[in-house]
Structures are given as C-alpha cells and as structure tokens.
Amino acid sequence: MKKFLHKHGTVIALTLAGFFHLVSHLGTQFERYQICFAPSERAERGCEKDIDLVVLKQLYDLSLYGEGNGSEFKREWIDIIKKSTVVRNIPASNPDIPKYSLAVLGLIIYARYNQGLKASALQNSYSSDLEAFKTQVYENWVHGFNERKVIFKKQEFQAERDIATEINKLRGQGELTHLQEVLKRSNAIDEARFDLALEEIAASKSEFTLIKSENLRDAAKADKEMNKALGKNNDSGNNTGTDSKNKELINQLVNALKEHESGWLYKVLKIRKPLWIIGGQGAGKSTLAASIILLRHYIFGWELIEIVDAHAQKNCTKAWKYLMELGDNPPAVVGANNDYESINTSFTSIIERWTTRTEDDTPTQSLADEFTNLSDAPECKESAGRFVKHSLSDIRKAAEYWVFIAHYFTATATGDAKGTHTAKNNQTIQIERYSADGERPLSNATVNGLVDEKGKAIKNLEVTIPNWLRPETIYGHLNGKPIQFEG
C-alpha cells in the first residue's frame, strides 16, 4: 500500500481535491430575506418585535415590484408586503463548505509533499546510475589502455629484435662500419649545405641593401641633374662669382666658430677622431650631430656617404632633412623600419671597407643614430661591438669619420666592446648635452677628449652651444639666408 501511495498518491490526492471542490458547490440554498411586516414606530433597530417571516428573495422581489400579479396574490397581501421592511439579507450558503475547503487544502499539500519525495528519489536514482556509468566507462578505458600498452610494448620489442637481427646480419657481413661512415658523411654534407645556404642568403641580402642604397642615390642624383638642367643653365656664366661668395660665407662660419669660446667647436670639427654626442631625450643630440656634419661638409668638403638609423623612415624628413640635400649623391640610408639585420650587414661591410681605404683617400663622413638601441638589438649586437672597437683605430687610417649618437657613454650603450674603456675615453670626442624638461635642449654642454697646447687631456670642459648652430640655419647660410653673426 505504501509503495502504491508513493507512486500514485499525487494523482489520487489531486483527483479527490477536485471532487471535494465540486461537491462544495452542490446543494446550496436559495438567497433569502428576513422581513418585518407593518413595523411599529417604536420598534428597535432591526424590528425585532415585528419579525414575522423569512421568505425567498426572488419571491419577495417579484411580489413587491412585479406587475400584473392580481391573479396570483390578493390585493391585501400585496399591500402588506409593500408595507414590509427587509431586516437582513441571508445569502445562499452550504454549511459543509469549510470542511470541503480544508479537505481540498490538505490534499493539495499532500500531493506537493508526495511529488517532492518522488523527485528526490528520482534524482538519487539518476545520480547513482550516472556514477555507475562513469565507473564502468573508466574501467573500460583502463582495461583498453592496458591492452594497447601491452600491444605497443610487444611491437616495440619486436622492432628492437628485428633491428638487432639486422645489425647482427650486417656485422656478420662486415657492412655495419661502412653504413656508419656513410651516415657521418651524409650528416657532414647536410651541415655544409645548410651553412652555404645561410651564407648565400646573407650575401644576397647584403647585395640587395647595397643595390637599394645605390638606386636611392642614383634617383636623387638624377633629380638634381634635371633641376640643374631646367633651372640653373642661365647661371653658368656666374660660377666664379658664386664660388667667391660661397668662400666668403664659409669664412664667416669659420671665424664665428673660432671666436666662440676659444674655438672649441672648430677644434672638434678638425680632430679626426670618432665623435660621440650623448644626452637624454630632448637634449638636442640630433640637432648638434646634423649641424656638425653640415659644417664639415661646407668647410672641409667631406661628403656624407652613409646614415645608419633604425628610425630613418621618420628622421630623413625631419632630423636629417638637410643632410639628404648635401652634394650630388645623397647618403646611403641603412636600417629604416627597425631593419637591424641590414644594420648588421652594413657594420660588417664597413669594417671590410676600412681595410681597403687609406689616409690618402678623399675624406668622407657618416652618421650612426641611437647607438644605445643598436647595442641591444640581438641581430646586430655583436657586429656593433666590433664596429665600435675598429672605429677607435681604423677610421683615421681609412679617412672615414663617424658621428655617433647615444643616450649614455657606458660600455653597454656603446657596443659593449670588451677592453675598450680607456681607448674610448682617450681616442674619441664626447659632447654631452642636457635638457631640463625632456623637450627643449639647454645651451650648456660638457666636452671630453680635447687636449690643451701641451697635449694634456681637458676633462669635463664646460661649454655653450651657439644659438645659430642649427641645421636649418647653417643650410640657409649657404642657400640664400646668411646668418647675422653677433659683433
């Protein structure tokens, strides 16, 4: 019985609840009035003394308000009814409704409770079945895994036996040593081919970089020749006067440099040592470097042949704008868009170039920007160190003078070349510039590497940078906008 109720109790309870609800609406009485006939004037509220009859509401309404009832009721009765007063409205009711309501409520509660028991039992049953299923699946997987493992081991052992058998056969036939030698030669050939492929790739890239630089120079040269042909032919008869004017302008630059603070700037221009310009952001390093290169070009005629700059795609139209206009051949630009591999190739080729050039060759100059970053880049870190080390002794002998730009003059920032600390301090010129806010350069600077009349090194020489020492001002001085020097 208990199992039966547990299984069907919910349906039975809901069925009985519906049945009791219907029964509670059966057998109800009619709605009635309790009336008082001819109530006395002194009657209390409710007309208790004159209550006479309880009548059906429908009959009373029809008798009181109906018309055409003369045949059913006598006139006197109708008059009496019309004089009556309704004391209480007695609605239709069933005295067993509360019992039925309680029964319906109890049955609904039981149905809900029984349904909860069934749901809980069903959930427990599903959980048990799921755990059993998972356990069975895991047991099947473990069993299959072990079977596969045994099969693989058998196959492995069989393969090892087959290999051992073949080796024994070859050993017996005297061919094992021959196969080992063939394998070694094959590996050596593969390694040689790989090294050769790397060398060919490097050579091709170097050749491509060189061709690209030459194409840029040729294009710029062609543009200048065309401009000369179109706009400067009429001035060919005034070359002597132009040369004389340029010499005068150049002499003005030389005099201004010599007169500024004992001529330290002119000494820097003349000394054929590597020049390092160092300083923080916004200190004016690029401005000073471009100005020095322009002065060396105009005063000494040194051609700018190469710019090594990982950000050349931006700087060639800003910081190096006027350097790109020098001479008939624009400089080769290497490393744009962070092409550190091309910079690595360029450093290697420059070192090789220094072995063929001599002091008697026409002097040239070049520029390397942001050397701090070049010293950190994995692609060119090693070649940057060798490049700096060779520059300490080779550039004077090769008559190729370099201007380096870096944030610091530490070993790490200058190529990390081992054993060159003393040589870098003694065999280079270092100009350090400053900025108070990281945006605008200050006029003061510190110079190291110069010597006095007795050949002794001048340490931490405090100097100032002239206001006119800017690329656009120097370029304009030789191109129609002469500088108005003070005094």
Protein backbone atom coordinates (compact mmCIF):
# COMPACT_ATOMS: atom_id res chain seq x y z
CA MET A 1 0.00 0.00 0.00
CA LYS A 2 2.83 2.36 0.90
CA LYS A 3 4.53 1.83 -2.45
CA PHE A 4 1.20 2.30 -4.22
CA LEU A 5 0.59 5.64 -2.46
CA HIS A 6 4.14 6.74 -3.12
CA LYS A 7 3.70 6.03 -6.80
CA HIS A 8 0.09 7.20 -7.35
CA GLY A 9 -0.60 9.35 -4.28
CA THR A 10 -0.15 12.65 -6.09
CA VAL A 11 -2.73 11.82 -8.77
CA ILE A 12 -5.20 10.42 -6.21
CA ALA A 13 -4.85 13.49 -3.95
CA LEU A 14 -5.38 15.95 -6.78
CA THR A 15 -8.40 13.97 -8.04
CA LEU A 16 -10.04 13.97 -4.60
CA ALA A 17 -9.30 17.68 -4.16
CA GLY A 18 -11.10 18.43 -7.41
CA PHE A 19 -14.01 16.21 -6.40
CA PHE A 20 -14.43 17.89 -3.00
CA HIS A 21 -14.28 21.28 -4.61
CA LEU A 22 -17.16 20.38 -6.93
CA VAL A 23 -19.19 18.84 -4.11
CA SER A 24 -18.83 22.01 -2.06
CA HIS A 25 -20.83 23.83 -4.74
CA LEU A 26 -23.71 21.27 -4.79
CA GLY A 27 -26.94 21.57 -2.76
CA THR A 28 -26.68 25.24 -1.92
CA GLN A 29 -29.79 27.06 -0.65
CA PHE A 30 -31.53 30.00 -2.26
CA GLU A 31 -30.81 33.52 -1.16
CA ARG A 32 -33.39 34.77 1.32
CA TYR A 33 -34.73 37.86 3.15
CA GLN A 34 -35.75 38.20 6.79
CA ILE A 35 -38.63 40.73 6.71
CA CYS A 36 -40.72 42.67 9.17
CA PHE A 37 -44.43 43.21 8.48
CA ALA A 38 -46.02 46.52 9.40
CA PRO A 39 -43.17 47.63 11.65
CA SER A 40 -44.23 49.67 14.63
CA GLU A 41 -43.00 53.16 15.06
CA ARG A 42 -41.34 52.37 18.35
CA ALA A 43 -39.66 49.27 17.19
CA GLU A 44 -35.94 48.88 17.93
CA ARG A 45 -33.34 48.74 15.15
CA GLY A 46 -33.82 45.57 13.22
CA CYS A 47 -37.57 45.47 14.01
CA GLU A 48 -37.07 42.60 16.45
CA LYS A 49 -40.68 42.77 17.79
CA ASP A 50 -42.36 42.65 14.45
CA ILE A 51 -40.21 40.00 12.70
CA ASP A 52 -42.64 37.67 11.19
CA LEU A 53 -41.24 35.65 8.32
CA VAL A 54 -38.18 34.58 6.30
CA VAL A 55 -39.08 34.46 2.63
CA LEU A 56 -37.26 33.70 -0.59
CA LYS A 57 -35.57 36.75 -2.08
CA GLN A 58 -36.80 36.03 -5.57
CA LEU A 59 -40.43 35.62 -4.40
CA TYR A 60 -40.28 38.76 -2.34
CA ASP A 61 -38.84 40.82 -5.19
CA LEU A 62 -41.45 39.61 -7.64
CA SER A 63 -44.29 40.21 -5.24
CA LEU A 64 -43.08 43.64 -4.21
CA TYR A 65 -42.11 45.00 -7.59
CA GLY A 66 -43.86 42.82 -10.06
CA GLU A 67 -46.79 43.99 -12.10
CA GLY A 68 -49.80 42.08 -13.35
CA ASN A 69 -49.86 39.86 -10.27
CA GLY A 70 -53.50 40.48 -9.35
CA SER A 71 -54.44 36.90 -10.23
CA GLU A 72 -51.79 35.29 -8.01
CA PHE A 73 -51.98 37.45 -4.94
CA LYS A 74 -54.76 39.30 -3.29
CA ARG A 75 -54.53 42.95 -3.13
CA GLU A 76 -54.43 42.95 0.66
CA TRP A 77 -51.41 40.63 0.72
CA ILE A 78 -49.62 42.75 -1.79
CA ASP A 79 -50.30 45.84 0.27
CA ILE A 80 -48.96 44.11 3.36
CA ILE A 81 -45.82 43.06 1.51
CA LYS A 82 -45.35 46.57 0.23
CA LYS A 83 -45.51 47.84 3.80
CA SER A 84 -42.91 45.33 4.95
CA THR A 85 -39.27 46.12 5.69
CA VAL A 86 -36.23 43.91 4.92
CA VAL A 87 -34.28 43.40 8.11
CA ARG A 88 -31.49 41.04 6.93
CA ASN A 89 -30.23 39.58 3.68
CA ILE A 90 -29.50 35.92 4.15
CA PRO A 91 -27.17 34.74 1.33
CA ALA A 92 -27.20 31.23 -0.09
CA SER A 93 -24.72 29.00 1.75
CA ASN A 94 -23.64 25.42 2.30
CA PRO A 95 -22.72 24.59 5.87
CA ASP A 96 -20.15 21.94 4.73
CA ILE A 97 -18.05 24.32 2.59
CA PRO A 98 -15.34 24.90 5.32
CA LYS A 99 -14.92 21.14 5.70
CA TYR A 100 -14.59 20.66 1.97
CA SER A 101 -12.11 23.56 1.75
CA LEU A 102 -9.91 22.08 4.48
CA ALA A 103 -10.01 18.73 2.75
CA VAL A 104 -9.01 20.26 -0.60
CA LEU A 105 -6.12 22.18 1.04
CA GLY A 106 -4.87 19.09 2.85
CA LEU A 107 -4.98 17.00 -0.32
CA ILE A 108 -3.03 19.64 -2.29
CA ILE A 109 -0.35 19.81 0.43
CA TYR A 110 -0.08 16.03 0.45
CA ALA A 111 0.21 15.96 -3.34
CA ARG A 112 3.04 18.52 -3.21
CA TYR A 113 4.84 16.61 -0.48
CA ASN A 114 4.48 13.29 -2.27
CA GLN A 115 5.72 14.84 -5.52
CA GLY A 116 8.80 16.18 -3.69
CA LEU A 117 9.56 12.72 -2.32
CA LYS A 118 9.28 11.24 -5.80
CA ALA A 119 11.57 13.90 -7.30
CA SER A 120 14.19 13.39 -4.60
CA ALA A 121 14.08 9.62 -5.03
CA LEU A 122 14.32 10.01 -8.82
CA GLN A 123 17.32 12.36 -8.52
CA ASN A 124 19.12 9.95 -6.19
CA SER A 125 18.41 7.13 -8.61
CA TYR A 126 19.78 9.11 -11.58
CA SER A 127 22.90 10.12 -9.61
CA SER A 128 23.57 6.51 -8.69
CA ASP A 129 23.09 5.38 -12.27
CA LEU A 130 25.39 8.15 -13.55
CA GLU A 131 28.15 7.27 -11.09
CA ALA A 132 27.83 3.63 -12.01
CA PHE A 133 28.04 4.54 -15.71
CA LYS A 134 31.14 6.70 -15.16
CA THR A 135 32.80 3.97 -13.15
CA GLN A 136 32.10 1.44 -15.87
CA VAL A 137 33.44 3.77 -18.59
CA TYR A 138 36.65 4.38 -16.60
CA GLU A 139 37.11 0.64 -16.02
CA ASN A 140 36.68 0.00 -19.75
CA TRP A 141 39.20 2.77 -20.60
CA VAL A 142 41.78 1.42 -18.14
CA HIS A 143 41.31 -2.05 -19.47
CA GLY A 144 41.66 -0.88 -23.08
CA PHE A 145 44.67 1.30 -22.24
CA ASN A 146 46.49 -1.57 -20.63
CA GLU A 147 45.70 -3.78 -23.59
CA ARG A 148 47.00 -1.14 -26.03
CA LYS A 149 50.11 -0.62 -23.88
CA VAL A 150 50.84 -4.30 -23.95
CA ILE A 151 50.36 -4.35 -27.74
CA PHE A 152 52.68 -1.35 -28.21
CA LYS A 153 55.31 -2.91 -25.99
CA LYS A 154 55.10 -6.11 -27.97
CA GLN A 155 55.50 -4.18 -31.21
CA GLU A 156 58.42 -2.19 -29.75
CA PHE A 157 60.17 -5.32 -28.54
CA GLN A 158 59.56 -6.95 -31.89
CA ALA A 159 61.01 -3.92 -33.72
CA GLU A 160 64.06 -3.94 -31.44
CA ARG A 161 64.55 -7.64 -32.09
CA ASP A 162 64.24 -7.06 -35.83
CA ILE A 163 66.80 -4.23 -35.68
CA ALA A 164 69.16 -6.33 -33.56
CA THR A 165 68.80 -9.18 -36.02
CA GLU A 166 69.58 -6.90 -38.98
CA ILE A 167 72.58 -5.39 -37.17
CA ASN A 168 73.92 -8.86 -36.39
CA LYS A 169 73.49 -9.82 -40.02
CA LEU A 170 75.31 -6.66 -41.18
CA ARG A 171 78.05 -7.18 -38.60
CA GLY A 172 78.47 -10.70 -39.79
CA GLN A 173 78.70 -9.44 -43.36
CA GLY A 174 81.10 -6.60 -42.44
CA GLU A 175 78.73 -3.85 -43.63
CA LEU A 176 77.89 -2.08 -40.34
CA THR A 177 81.07 0.02 -40.25
CA HIS A 178 80.52 1.02 -43.85
CA LEU A 179 76.96 2.23 -43.08
CA GLN A 180 78.18 4.29 -40.12
CA GLU A 181 80.76 6.02 -42.28
CA VAL A 182 78.15 6.75 -44.95
CA LEU A 183 75.84 8.26 -42.29
CA LYS A 184 78.60 10.52 -40.94
CA ARG A 185 79.48 11.76 -44.41
CA SER A 186 75.81 12.40 -45.15
CA ASN A 187 75.41 14.48 -41.98
CA ALA A 188 78.55 16.46 -42.77
CA ILE A 189 77.30 17.17 -46.31
CA ASP A 190 73.91 18.32 -44.98
CA GLU A 191 75.56 20.68 -42.48
CA ALA A 192 77.84 22.11 -45.17
CA ARG A 193 74.88 22.69 -47.46
CA PHE A 194 72.99 24.45 -44.63
CA ASP A 195 75.94 26.74 -43.85
CA LEU A 196 76.35 27.51 -47.55
CA ALA A 197 72.66 28.38 -47.82
CA LEU A 198 72.96 30.77 -44.86
CA GLU A 199 75.98 32.45 -46.44
CA GLU A 200 74.17 32.81 -49.76
CA ILE A 201 71.14 34.36 -48.03
CA ALA A 202 73.34 36.83 -46.13
CA ALA A 203 75.23 37.72 -49.31
CA SER A 204 72.00 38.21 -51.24
CA LYS A 205 70.59 40.44 -48.53
CA SER A 206 73.76 42.49 -48.39
CA GLU A 207 73.74 42.86 -52.16
CA PHE A 208 70.08 43.87 -52.08
CA THR A 209 70.77 46.51 -49.42
CA LEU A 210 73.67 47.89 -51.45
CA ILE A 211 71.60 47.97 -54.64
CA LYS A 212 68.75 49.70 -52.84
CA SER A 213 71.10 52.40 -51.48
CA GLU A 214 72.68 52.89 -54.90
CA ASN A 215 69.26 53.20 -56.51
CA LEU A 216 68.26 55.86 -53.99
CA ARG A 217 71.46 57.79 -54.66
CA ASP A 218 71.05 57.47 -58.43
CA ALA A 219 67.45 58.67 -58.26
CA ALA A 220 68.38 61.69 -56.15
CA LYS A 221 71.31 62.45 -58.44
CA ALA A 222 69.04 62.28 -61.47
CA ASP A 223 66.59 64.69 -59.80
CA LYS A 224 69.36 67.16 -59.07
CA GLU A 225 70.75 66.93 -62.60
CA MET A 226 67.29 67.54 -64.00
CA ASN A 227 66.78 70.55 -61.73
CA LYS A 228 70.14 71.93 -62.84
CA ALA A 229 69.24 71.42 -66.50
CA LEU A 230 65.84 73.08 -66.10
CA GLY A 231 66.58 75.98 -63.78
CA LYS A 232 70.28 76.67 -63.47
CA ASN A 233 71.62 76.79 -67.03
CA ASN A 234 71.24 80.55 -67.19
CA ASP A 235 73.55 80.99 -64.22
CA SER A 236 76.50 79.11 -65.74
CA GLY A 237 78.33 82.33 -66.52
CA ASN A 238 78.38 83.40 -62.86
CA ASN A 239 80.23 80.38 -61.38
CA THR A 240 83.26 82.43 -60.45
CA GLY A 241 81.21 84.97 -58.58
CA THR A 242 79.19 82.22 -56.88
CA ASP A 243 82.31 80.37 -55.72
CA SER A 244 83.72 83.61 -54.37
CA LYS A 245 80.52 84.31 -52.48
CA ASN A 246 80.42 80.79 -51.03
CA LYS A 247 84.02 81.13 -49.86
CA GLU A 248 83.12 84.35 -48.12
CA LEU A 249 80.14 82.72 -46.41
CA ILE A 250 82.27 79.75 -45.39
CA ASN A 251 84.92 82.07 -43.97
CA GLN A 252 82.22 83.74 -41.91
CA LEU A 253 81.30 80.34 -40.45
CA VAL A 254 84.95 79.53 -39.70
CA ASN A 255 85.53 82.89 -37.99
CA ALA A 256 82.35 82.51 -35.91
CA LEU A 257 83.44 79.02 -34.82
CA LYS A 258 86.97 80.14 -33.91
CA GLU A 259 85.73 83.16 -31.96
CA HIS A 260 83.19 81.21 -29.92
CA GLU A 261 84.69 80.27 -26.52
CA SER A 262 88.29 79.79 -27.62
CA GLY A 263 87.25 77.93 -30.74
CA TRP A 264 86.35 74.61 -29.11
CA LEU A 265 83.76 73.89 -31.82
CA TYR A 266 86.28 74.40 -34.62
CA LYS A 267 88.72 72.07 -32.83
CA VAL A 268 86.01 69.40 -32.66
CA LEU A 269 85.40 69.74 -36.40
CA LYS A 270 89.08 69.38 -37.28
CA ILE A 271 90.01 66.49 -34.96
CA ARG A 272 89.76 63.25 -36.89
CA LYS A 273 88.51 61.05 -34.08
CA PRO A 274 85.17 59.33 -33.61
CA LEU A 275 82.72 61.92 -32.28
CA TRP A 276 80.14 60.76 -29.72
CA ILE A 277 77.18 63.02 -28.95
CA ILE A 278 75.37 61.83 -25.83
CA GLY A 279 72.43 63.03 -23.75
CA GLY A 280 68.91 62.28 -22.67
CA GLN A 281 65.64 62.76 -24.51
CA GLY A 282 65.10 66.29 -25.84
CA ALA A 283 68.74 67.32 -25.23
CA GLY A 284 69.34 68.24 -28.89
CA LYS A 285 71.68 65.37 -29.86
CA SER A 286 70.35 65.04 -33.42
CA THR A 287 70.41 68.81 -33.94
CA LEU A 288 74.09 69.05 -32.93
CA ALA A 289 75.07 65.97 -34.99
CA ALA A 290 73.40 67.27 -38.16
CA SER A 291 74.95 70.72 -37.62
CA ILE A 292 78.48 69.29 -37.27
CA ILE A 293 78.07 67.15 -40.40
CA LEU A 294 76.84 70.20 -42.37
CA LEU A 295 79.78 72.32 -41.15
CA ARG A 296 82.31 69.61 -42.07
CA HIS A 297 80.75 69.33 -45.49
CA TYR A 298 80.77 73.07 -46.24
CA ILE A 299 84.13 73.89 -44.62
CA PHE A 300 86.22 70.78 -45.41
CA GLY A 301 84.24 69.29 -48.30
CA TRP A 302 83.67 65.94 -46.58
CA GLU A 303 80.92 64.01 -48.37
CA LEU A 304 78.27 62.31 -46.21
CA ILE A 305 78.13 58.74 -47.55
CA GLU A 306 76.04 56.74 -45.05
CA ILE A 307 73.40 57.12 -42.32
CA VAL A 308 72.73 54.12 -40.05
CA ASP A 309 69.39 54.73 -38.34
CA ALA A 310 66.66 52.27 -37.32
CA HIS A 311 64.14 55.14 -37.50
CA ALA A 312 65.38 56.62 -40.77
CA GLN A 313 61.89 56.45 -42.29
CA LYS A 314 60.96 59.32 -39.94
CA ASN A 315 64.26 61.12 -39.42
CA CYS A 316 65.15 61.53 -43.11
CA THR A 317 62.29 64.03 -43.46
CA LYS A 318 62.93 65.75 -40.11
CA ALA A 319 66.26 65.49 -38.23
CA TRP A 320 68.26 64.54 -41.37
CA LYS A 321 66.24 66.63 -43.83
CA TYR A 322 69.12 68.95 -44.73
CA LEU A 323 71.70 66.13 -44.73
CA MET A 324 69.80 64.48 -47.57
CA GLU A 325 70.37 67.63 -49.67
CA LEU A 326 74.19 67.63 -49.45
CA GLY A 327 76.36 67.05 -52.51
CA ASP A 328 75.46 65.43 -55.77
CA ASN A 329 74.96 61.97 -54.23
CA PRO A 330 72.63 61.58 -51.25
CA PRO A 331 73.91 59.30 -48.47
CA ALA A 332 73.03 55.62 -48.29
CA VAL A 333 70.37 55.07 -45.62
CA VAL A 334 70.50 51.75 -43.74
CA GLY A 335 68.15 50.28 -41.11
CA ALA A 336 64.85 52.07 -41.71
CA ASN A 337 61.81 50.50 -40.03
CA ASN A 338 63.98 48.72 -37.41
CA ASP A 339 65.79 46.61 -40.03
CA TYR A 340 68.54 45.51 -37.64
CA GLU A 341 69.66 42.71 -39.94
CA SER A 342 70.56 45.26 -42.63
CA ILE A 343 72.42 47.28 -39.99
CA ASN A 344 74.34 44.13 -39.03
CA THR A 345 75.28 43.58 -42.69
CA SER A 346 76.27 47.24 -43.05
CA PHE A 347 78.57 47.18 -39.99
CA THR A 348 80.33 44.10 -41.37
CA SER A 349 80.80 45.67 -44.81
CA ILE A 350 82.04 48.96 -43.29
CA ILE A 351 84.74 47.11 -41.31
CA GLU A 352 85.80 45.39 -44.53
CA ARG A 353 85.78 48.75 -46.36
CA TRP A 354 88.15 50.24 -43.80
CA THR A 355 90.73 47.57 -44.65
CA THR A 356 90.99 48.88 -48.23
CA ARG A 357 90.81 52.65 -47.64
CA THR A 358 93.91 54.71 -46.66
CA GLU A 359 94.64 58.12 -45.18
CA ASP A 360 95.34 59.41 -48.68
CA ASP A 361 91.79 58.73 -49.85
CA THR A 362 89.30 61.61 -50.02
CA PRO A 363 87.86 62.07 -46.50
CA THR A 364 84.23 61.11 -46.03
CA GLN A 365 81.87 61.14 -43.07
CA SER A 366 78.98 59.02 -41.82
CA LEU A 367 76.37 59.01 -39.03
CA ALA A 368 75.06 56.32 -36.66
CA ASP A 369 71.96 57.25 -34.65
CA GLU A 370 70.52 55.72 -31.44
CA PHE A 371 73.58 53.51 -30.89
CA THR A 372 72.16 52.55 -27.47
CA ASN A 373 69.41 50.58 -29.22
CA LEU A 374 71.80 49.09 -31.78
CA SER A 375 73.93 47.74 -28.93
CA ASP A 376 70.88 45.91 -27.51
CA ALA A 377 69.36 44.50 -30.73
CA PRO A 378 70.17 40.76 -30.98
CA GLU A 379 70.53 40.96 -34.78
CA CYS A 380 73.40 43.48 -34.71
CA LYS A 381 74.66 43.50 -31.11
CA GLU A 382 77.86 41.57 -31.88
CA SER A 383 78.71 43.50 -35.06
CA ALA A 384 78.01 46.81 -33.28
CA GLY A 385 80.65 45.94 -30.68
CA ARG A 386 83.21 45.03 -33.35
CA PHE A 387 82.31 48.18 -35.29
CA VAL A 388 83.00 50.44 -32.28
CA LYS A 389 86.24 48.62 -31.49
CA HIS A 390 87.51 49.02 -35.07
CA SER A 391 86.43 52.67 -35.16
CA LEU A 392 88.94 53.54 -32.43
CA SER A 393 91.87 52.77 -34.71
CA ASP A 394 90.63 52.33 -38.29
CA ILE A 395 88.61 55.42 -39.17
CA ARG A 396 91.59 57.80 -39.11
CA LYS A 397 93.60 55.41 -41.27
CA ALA A 398 90.64 54.95 -43.61
CA ALA A 399 89.84 58.72 -43.70
CA GLU A 400 86.18 57.95 -42.90
CA TYR A 401 84.93 59.96 -39.94
CA TRP A 402 81.88 58.94 -37.95
CA VAL A 403 79.47 60.78 -35.68
CA PHE A 404 77.77 58.53 -33.13
CA ILE A 405 74.60 59.40 -31.14
CA ALA A 406 73.80 57.59 -27.86
CA HIS A 407 71.96 58.19 -24.60
CA TYR A 408 74.97 57.29 -22.47
CA PHE A 409 78.71 56.70 -22.87
CA THR A 410 78.66 53.43 -20.94
CA ALA A 411 80.05 50.14 -22.21
CA THR A 412 76.54 48.76 -22.86
CA ALA A 413 75.38 51.87 -24.73
CA THR A 414 78.47 51.99 -26.96
CA GLY A 415 78.59 48.46 -28.31
CA ASP A 416 79.79 46.63 -25.18
CA ALA A 417 83.21 46.11 -26.81
CA LYS A 418 85.45 44.42 -24.23
CA GLY A 419 88.72 46.09 -23.26
CA THR A 420 87.99 49.43 -24.94
CA HIS A 421 87.02 51.62 -21.99
CA THR A 422 90.33 53.53 -21.80
CA ALA A 423 90.64 53.76 -25.59
CA LYS A 424 87.11 55.15 -25.94
CA ASN A 425 87.84 57.86 -23.38
CA ASN A 426 91.16 58.85 -24.95
CA GLN A 427 90.59 58.22 -28.66
CA THR A 428 87.14 59.82 -29.04
CA ILE A 429 85.50 63.20 -28.57
CA GLN A 430 82.43 63.17 -26.33
CA ILE A 431 79.94 66.03 -26.23
CA GLU A 432 77.17 65.69 -23.66
CA ARG A 433 74.06 67.84 -24.00
CA TYR A 434 71.29 68.45 -21.45
CA SER A 435 67.60 69.23 -21.15
CA ALA A 436 65.67 70.41 -18.09
CA ASP A 437 62.24 69.16 -19.15
CA GLY A 438 62.99 66.41 -21.68
CA GLU A 439 61.67 68.53 -24.55
CA ARG A 440 63.87 71.62 -25.07
CA PRO A 441 67.71 71.46 -25.15
CA LEU A 442 69.79 73.72 -22.96
CA SER A 443 72.66 75.76 -24.37
CA ASN A 444 75.26 74.37 -21.95
CA ALA A 445 77.24 71.21 -22.72
CA THR A 446 80.25 69.22 -21.47
CA VAL A 447 83.15 68.15 -23.72
CA ASN A 448 85.74 65.43 -23.13
CA GLY A 449 88.56 64.30 -25.43
CA LEU A 450 90.08 67.68 -26.33
CA VAL A 451 93.67 68.46 -25.30
CA ASP A 452 95.43 71.72 -24.41
CA GLU A 453 98.56 73.22 -26.01
CA LYS A 454 100.76 70.80 -24.05
CA GLY A 455 98.82 67.77 -25.23
CA LYS A 456 97.15 67.13 -21.87
CA ALA A 457 93.54 65.94 -21.82
CA ILE A 458 90.95 68.53 -20.81
CA LYS A 459 88.32 66.81 -18.67
CA ASN A 460 84.71 67.95 -18.32
CA LEU A 461 85.15 71.17 -20.28
CA GLU A 462 82.04 73.33 -19.71
CA VAL A 463 80.96 74.99 -22.97
CA THR A 464 77.88 76.50 -24.61
CA ILE A 465 76.22 75.84 -27.96
CA PRO A 466 75.70 78.97 -30.14
CA ASN A 467 72.08 79.84 -30.89
CA TRP A 468 72.75 79.77 -34.64
CA LEU A 469 74.17 76.22 -34.56
CA ARG A 470 71.14 74.53 -36.11
CA PRO A 471 70.86 72.53 -39.37
CA GLU A 472 68.28 74.80 -40.99
CA THR A 473 70.30 77.93 -40.10
CA ILE A 474 73.59 76.54 -41.41
CA TYR A 475 71.96 75.21 -44.58
CA GLY A 476 70.22 78.55 -45.12
CA HIS A 477 73.53 80.41 -44.69
CA LEU A 478 74.85 78.77 -47.86
CA ASN A 479 71.49 78.88 -49.65
CA GLY A 480 70.37 82.48 -49.70
CA LYS A 481 69.73 83.16 -45.99
CA PRO A 482 73.08 84.24 -44.50
CA ILE A 483 73.45 84.21 -40.71
CA GLN A 484 73.75 87.57 -38.97
CA PHE A 485 76.58 86.79 -36.57
CA GLU A 486 76.91 89.00 -33.49
CA GLY A 487 79.76 91.51 -33.46
